[in-house]
Amino acid sequence: MNEDILKGKFKQLSGRIKAKWGELTDDDLKLLEGKRDVLVGKLQEKYGLTKEKAEQQIKEMEDA
């Protein structure tokens, strides 16, 4: 999913993102708005995920 599509769906996804990854703050979400690579980095930082695992979990959420 490219950055433009993610930006368009971000409002829909933000609730699911907070539900799944509760350690992400509102400030984190503002920083990530539409930036998949930043979301991947935040998941790695806060949850100790590998880049591949973070990307896989984001894809699963997008496909849900």
PDB file of N, CA and C in Angstrom:
ATOM      1  N   MET A   1       0.864  -1.160   0.000  1.00  0.00           N
ATOM      2  CA  MET A   1       0.000   0.000   0.000  1.00  0.00           C
ATOM      3  C   MET A   1       0.912   1.223   0.000  1.00  0.00           C
ATOM      4  N   ASN A   2       0.668   2.155  -0.901  1.00  0.00           N
ATOM      5  CA  ASN A   2       1.547   3.320  -0.964  1.00  0.00           C
ATOM      6  C   ASN A   2       1.130   4.390   0.047  1.00  0.00           C
ATOM      7  N   GLU A   3       1.971   5.396   0.177  1.00  0.00           N
ATOM      8  CA  GLU A   3       1.773   6.427   1.204  1.00  0.00           C
ATOM      9  C   GLU A   3       0.476   7.201   1.015  1.00  0.00           C
ATOM     10  N   ASP A   4       0.098   7.514  -0.240  1.00  0.00           N
ATOM     11  CA  ASP A   4      -1.130   8.268  -0.487  1.00  0.00           C
ATOM     12  C   ASP A   4      -2.368   7.492  -0.045  1.00  0.00           C
ATOM     13  N   ILE A   5      -2.383   6.211  -0.344  1.00  0.00           N
ATOM     14  CA  ILE A   5      -3.520   5.381   0.060  1.00  0.00           C
ATOM     15  C   ILE A   5      -3.579   5.279   1.583  1.00  0.00           C
ATOM     16  N   LEU A   6      -2.412   5.102   2.201  1.00  0.00           N
ATOM     17  CA  LEU A   6      -2.380   5.003   3.656  1.00  0.00           C
ATOM     18  C   LEU A   6      -2.871   6.291   4.296  1.00  0.00           C
ATOM     19  N   LYS A   7      -2.487   7.451   3.745  1.00  0.00           N
ATOM     20  CA  LYS A   7      -2.982   8.729   4.266  1.00  0.00           C
ATOM     21  C   LYS A   7      -4.499   8.787   4.180  1.00  0.00           C
ATOM     22  N   GLY A   8      -5.041   8.320   3.054  1.00  0.00           N
ATOM     23  CA  GLY A   8      -6.492   8.352   2.869  1.00  0.00           C
ATOM     24  C   GLY A   8      -7.231   7.459   3.838  1.00  0.00           C
ATOM     25  N   LYS A   9      -6.631   6.350   4.206  1.00  0.00           N
ATOM     26  CA  LYS A   9      -7.284   5.401   5.107  1.00  0.00           C
ATOM     27  C   LYS A   9      -6.877   5.603   6.567  1.00  0.00           C
ATOM     28  N   PHE A  10      -5.993   6.577   6.801  1.00  0.00           N
ATOM     29  CA  PHE A  10      -5.426   6.708   8.131  1.00  0.00           C
ATOM     30  C   PHE A  10      -6.472   6.939   9.212  1.00  0.00           C
ATOM     31  N   LYS A  11      -7.447   7.766   8.944  1.00  0.00           N
ATOM     32  CA  LYS A  11      -8.464   8.031   9.964  1.00  0.00           C
ATOM     33  C   LYS A  11      -9.204   6.748  10.337  1.00  0.00           C
ATOM     34  N   GLN A  12      -9.472   5.910   9.334  1.00  0.00           N
ATOM     35  CA  GLN A  12     -10.127   4.635   9.613  1.00  0.00           C
ATOM     36  C   GLN A  12      -9.198   3.714  10.392  1.00  0.00           C
ATOM     37  N   LEU A  13      -7.939   3.718  10.011  1.00  0.00           N
ATOM     38  CA  LEU A  13      -6.985   2.814  10.633  1.00  0.00           C
ATOM     39  C   LEU A  13      -6.548   3.259  12.021  1.00  0.00           C
ATOM     40  N   SER A  14      -6.586   4.560  12.294  1.00  0.00           N
ATOM     41  CA  SER A  14      -6.017   5.047  13.551  1.00  0.00           C
ATOM     42  C   SER A  14      -6.683   4.424  14.775  1.00  0.00           C
ATOM     43  N   GLY A  15      -7.972   4.216  14.722  1.00  0.00           N
ATOM     44  CA  GLY A  15      -8.650   3.563  15.843  1.00  0.00           C
ATOM     45  C   GLY A  15      -8.193   2.134  16.023  1.00  0.00           C
ATOM     46  N   ARG A  16      -8.044   1.428  14.926  1.00  0.00           N
ATOM     47  CA  ARG A  16      -7.570   0.043  15.009  1.00  0.00           C
ATOM     48  C   ARG A  16      -6.106  -0.008  15.434  1.00  0.00           C
ATOM     49  N   ILE A  17      -5.324   0.966  14.992  1.00  0.00           N
ATOM     50  CA  ILE A  17      -3.915   1.020  15.377  1.00  0.00           C
ATOM     51  C   ILE A  17      -3.812   1.192  16.890  1.00  0.00           C
ATOM     52  N   LYS A  18      -4.578   2.129  17.450  1.00  0.00           N
ATOM     53  CA  LYS A  18      -4.532   2.361  18.898  1.00  0.00           C
ATOM     54  C   LYS A  18      -5.055   1.152  19.669  1.00  0.00           C
ATOM     55  N   ALA A  19      -6.058   0.471  19.121  1.00  0.00           N
ATOM     56  CA  ALA A  19      -6.595  -0.702  19.807  1.00  0.00           C
ATOM     57  C   ALA A  19      -5.563  -1.836  19.835  1.00  0.00           C
ATOM     58  N   LYS A  20      -4.852  -2.023  18.735  1.00  0.00           N
ATOM     59  CA  LYS A  20      -3.880  -3.112  18.653  1.00  0.00           C
ATOM     60  C   LYS A  20      -2.576  -2.773  19.358  1.00  0.00           C
ATOM     61  N   TRP A  21      -2.113  -1.550  19.186  1.00  0.00           N
ATOM     62  CA  TRP A  21      -0.829  -1.119  19.739  1.00  0.00           C
ATOM     63  C   TRP A  21      -1.072   0.047  20.697  1.00  0.00           C
ATOM     64  N   GLY A  22      -1.583  -0.257  21.867  1.00  0.00           N
ATOM     65  CA  GLY A  22      -1.986   0.753  22.842  1.00  0.00           C
ATOM     66  C   GLY A  22      -0.866   1.630  23.367  1.00  0.00           C
ATOM     67  N   GLU A  23       0.387   1.212  23.201  1.00  0.00           N
ATOM     68  CA  GLU A  23       1.485   2.039  23.673  1.00  0.00           C
ATOM     69  C   GLU A  23       1.742   3.240  22.769  1.00  0.00           C
ATOM     70  N   LEU A  24       1.156   3.244  21.578  1.00  0.00           N
ATOM     71  CA  LEU A  24       1.312   4.391  20.689  1.00  0.00           C
ATOM     72  C   LEU A  24       0.410   5.517  21.179  1.00  0.00           C
ATOM     73  N   THR A  25       0.975   6.687  21.344  1.00  0.00           N
ATOM     74  CA  THR A  25       0.225   7.832  21.852  1.00  0.00           C
ATOM     75  C   THR A  25      -0.423   8.603  20.701  1.00  0.00           C
ATOM     76  N   ASP A  26      -1.282   9.552  21.051  1.00  0.00           N
ATOM     77  CA  ASP A  26      -1.872  10.423  20.032  1.00  0.00           C
ATOM     78  C   ASP A  26      -0.779  11.202  19.304  1.00  0.00           C
ATOM     79  N   ASP A  27       0.268  11.611  20.025  1.00  0.00           N
ATOM     80  CA  ASP A  27       1.388  12.307  19.388  1.00  0.00           C
ATOM     81  C   ASP A  27       2.098  11.396  18.383  1.00  0.00           C
ATOM     82  N   ASP A  28       2.263  10.117  18.758  1.00  0.00           N
ATOM     83  CA  ASP A  28       2.862   9.162  17.825  1.00  0.00           C
ATOM     84  C   ASP A  28       2.021   9.071  16.559  1.00  0.00           C
ATOM     85  N   LEU A  29       0.705   8.970  16.733  1.00  0.00           N
ATOM     86  CA  LEU A  29      -0.180   8.831  15.579  1.00  0.00           C
ATOM     87  C   LEU A  29      -0.126  10.054  14.677  1.00  0.00           C
ATOM     88  N   LYS A  30       0.002  11.239  15.272  1.00  0.00           N
ATOM     89  CA  LYS A  30       0.117  12.452  14.459  1.00  0.00           C
ATOM     90  C   LYS A  30       1.399  12.420  13.637  1.00  0.00           C
ATOM     91  N   LEU A  31       2.478  11.925  14.230  1.00  0.00           N
ATOM     92  CA  LEU A  31       3.752  11.828  13.507  1.00  0.00           C
ATOM     93  C   LEU A  31       3.685  10.832  12.361  1.00  0.00           C
ATOM     94  N   LEU A  32       2.920   9.769  12.563  1.00  0.00           N
ATOM     95  CA  LEU A  32       2.870   8.722  11.556  1.00  0.00           C
ATOM     96  C   LEU A  32       1.885   8.955  10.439  1.00  0.00           C
ATOM     97  N   GLU A  33       1.036   9.890  10.580  1.00  0.00           N
ATOM     98  CA  GLU A  33      -0.077  10.060   9.654  1.00  0.00           C
ATOM     99  C   GLU A  33       0.333   9.818   8.205  1.00  0.00           C
ATOM    100  N   GLY A  34      -0.017   8.634   7.727  1.00  0.00           N
ATOM    101  CA  GLY A  34       0.237   8.285   6.335  1.00  0.00           C
ATOM    102  C   GLY A  34       1.658   7.857   6.041  1.00  0.00           C
ATOM    103  N   LYS A  35       2.494   7.725   7.049  1.00  0.00           N
ATOM    104  CA  LYS A  35       3.895   7.372   6.821  1.00  0.00           C
ATOM    105  C   LYS A  35       4.146   5.965   7.333  1.00  0.00           C
ATOM    106  N   ARG A  36       4.005   5.023   6.463  1.00  0.00           N
ATOM    107  CA  ARG A  36       4.143   3.625   6.827  1.00  0.00           C
ATOM    108  C   ARG A  36       5.506   3.333   7.456  1.00  0.00           C
ATOM    109  N   ASP A  37       6.566   3.889   6.893  1.00  0.00           N
ATOM    110  CA  ASP A  37       7.905   3.610   7.403  1.00  0.00           C
ATOM    111  C   ASP A  37       8.078   4.108   8.841  1.00  0.00           C
ATOM    112  N   VAL A  38       7.419   5.216   9.181  1.00  0.00           N
ATOM    113  CA  VAL A  38       7.487   5.727  10.556  1.00  0.00           C
ATOM    114  C   VAL A  38       6.724   4.793  11.487  1.00  0.00           C
ATOM    115  N   LEU A  39       5.573   4.296  11.045  1.00  0.00           N
ATOM    116  CA  LEU A  39       4.806   3.341  11.844  1.00  0.00           C
ATOM    117  C   LEU A  39       5.639   2.084  12.094  1.00  0.00           C
ATOM    118  N   VAL A  40       6.292   1.595  11.068  1.00  0.00           N
ATOM    119  CA  VAL A  40       7.151   0.418  11.219  1.00  0.00           C
ATOM    120  C   VAL A  40       8.215   0.698  12.283  1.00  0.00           C
ATOM    121  N   GLY A  41       8.850   1.859  12.204  1.00  0.00           N
ATOM    122  CA  GLY A  41       9.880   2.220  13.176  1.00  0.00           C
ATOM    123  C   GLY A  41       9.351   2.323  14.598  1.00  0.00           C
ATOM    124  N   LYS A  42       8.161   2.920  14.745  1.00  0.00           N
ATOM    125  CA  LYS A  42       7.562   3.036  16.084  1.00  0.00           C
ATOM    126  C   LYS A  42       7.243   1.666  16.663  1.00  0.00           C
ATOM    127  N   LEU A  43       6.756   0.754  15.837  1.00  0.00           N
ATOM    128  CA  LEU A  43       6.456  -0.598  16.319  1.00  0.00           C
ATOM    129  C   LEU A  43       7.741  -1.319  16.722  1.00  0.00           C
ATOM    130  N   GLN A  44       8.801  -1.103  15.958  1.00  0.00           N
ATOM    131  CA  GLN A  44      10.084  -1.700  16.322  1.00  0.00           C
ATOM    132  C   GLN A  44      10.573  -1.134  17.657  1.00  0.00           C
ATOM    133  N   GLU A  45      10.454   0.172  17.813  1.00  0.00           N
ATOM    134  CA  GLU A  45      10.925   0.857  19.016  1.00  0.00           C
ATOM    135  C   GLU A  45      10.125   0.460  20.252  1.00  0.00           C
ATOM    136  N   LYS A  46       8.810   0.478  20.145  1.00  0.00           N
ATOM    137  CA  LYS A  46       7.960   0.289  21.327  1.00  0.00           C
ATOM    138  C   LYS A  46       7.662  -1.171  21.638  1.00  0.00           C
ATOM    139  N   TYR A  47       7.711  -2.038  20.630  1.00  0.00           N
ATOM    140  CA  TYR A  47       7.334  -3.437  20.839  1.00  0.00           C
ATOM    141  C   TYR A  47       8.464  -4.421  20.568  1.00  0.00           C
ATOM    142  N   GLY A  48       9.628  -3.922  20.128  1.00  0.00           N
ATOM    143  CA  GLY A  48      10.760  -4.808  19.877  1.00  0.00           C
ATOM    144  C   GLY A  48      10.558  -5.746  18.695  1.00  0.00           C
ATOM    145  N   LEU A  49       9.691  -5.349  17.764  1.00  0.00           N
ATOM    146  CA  LEU A  49       9.431  -6.177  16.585  1.00  0.00           C
ATOM    147  C   LEU A  49      10.545  -6.005  15.551  1.00  0.00           C
ATOM    148  N   THR A  50      10.755  -7.033  14.758  1.00  0.00           N
ATOM    149  CA  THR A  50      11.642  -6.870  13.614  1.00  0.00           C
ATOM    150  C   THR A  50      10.906  -6.059  12.565  1.00  0.00           C
ATOM    151  N   LYS A  51      11.642  -5.501  11.630  1.00  0.00           N
ATOM    152  CA  LYS A  51      11.025  -4.723  10.562  1.00  0.00           C
ATOM    153  C   LYS A  51      10.024  -5.587   9.798  1.00  0.00           C
ATOM    154  N   GLU A  52      10.410  -6.808   9.506  1.00  0.00           N
ATOM    155  CA  GLU A  52       9.546  -7.716   8.741  1.00  0.00           C
ATOM    156  C   GLU A  52       8.258  -8.028   9.500  1.00  0.00           C
ATOM    157  N   LYS A  53       8.371  -8.274  10.802  1.00  0.00           N
ATOM    158  CA  LYS A  53       7.190  -8.596  11.616  1.00  0.00           C
ATOM    159  C   LYS A  53       6.260  -7.383  11.716  1.00  0.00           C
ATOM    160  N   ALA A  54       6.841  -6.196  11.891  1.00  0.00           N
ATOM    161  CA  ALA A  54       6.025  -4.978  11.961  1.00  0.00           C
ATOM    162  C   ALA A  54       5.290  -4.764  10.642  1.00  0.00           C
ATOM    163  N   GLU A  55       5.998  -4.927   9.525  1.00  0.00           N
ATOM    164  CA  GLU A  55       5.362  -4.752   8.216  1.00  0.00           C
ATOM    165  C   GLU A  55       4.261  -5.785   7.996  1.00  0.00           C
ATOM    166  N   GLN A  56       4.493  -7.012   8.441  1.00  0.00           N
ATOM    167  CA  GLN A  56       3.487  -8.069   8.306  1.00  0.00           C
ATOM    168  C   GLN A  56       2.235  -7.717   9.109  1.00  0.00           C
ATOM    169  N   GLN A  57       2.408  -7.239  10.337  1.00  0.00           N
ATOM    170  CA  GLN A  57       1.253  -6.900  11.166  1.00  0.00           C
ATOM    171  C   GLN A  57       0.479  -5.722  10.594  1.00  0.00           C
ATOM    172  N   ILE A  58       1.179  -4.740  10.023  1.00  0.00           N
ATOM    173  CA  ILE A  58       0.495  -3.610   9.387  1.00  0.00           C
ATOM    174  C   ILE A  58      -0.297  -4.089   8.199  1.00  0.00           C
ATOM    175  N   LYS A  59       0.295  -4.952   7.382  1.00  0.00           N
ATOM    176  CA  LYS A  59      -0.406  -5.478   6.207  1.00  0.00           C
ATOM    177  C   LYS A  59      -1.659  -6.243   6.618  1.00  0.00           C
ATOM    178  N   GLU A  60      -1.554  -7.054   7.664  1.00  0.00           N
ATOM    179  CA  GLU A  60      -2.716  -7.790   8.147  1.00  0.00           C
ATOM    180  C   GLU A  60      -3.820  -6.841   8.583  1.00  0.00           C
ATOM    181  N   MET A  61      -3.462  -5.734   9.226  1.00  0.00           N
ATOM    182  CA  MET A  61      -4.457  -4.759   9.659  1.00  0.00           C
ATOM    183  C   MET A  61      -5.094  -4.077   8.457  1.00  0.00           C
ATOM    184  N   GLU A  62      -4.281  -3.739   7.461  1.00  0.00           N
ATOM    185  CA  GLU A  62      -4.802  -3.078   6.265  1.00  0.00           C
ATOM    186  C   GLU A  62      -5.772  -3.972   5.501  1.00  0.00           C
ATOM    187  N   ASP A  63      -5.459  -5.268   5.500  1.00  0.00           N
ATOM    188  CA  ASP A  63      -6.286  -6.233   4.759  1.00  0.00           C
ATOM    189  C   ASP A  63      -7.559  -6.619   5.503  1.00  0.00           C
ATOM    190  N   ALA A  64      -7.620  -6.309   6.790  1.00  0.00           N
ATOM    191  CA  ALA A  64      -8.787  -6.695   7.608  1.00  0.00           C
ATOM    192  C   ALA A  64     -10.001  -5.869   7.276  1.00  0.00           C
TER     193      ALA A  64
END
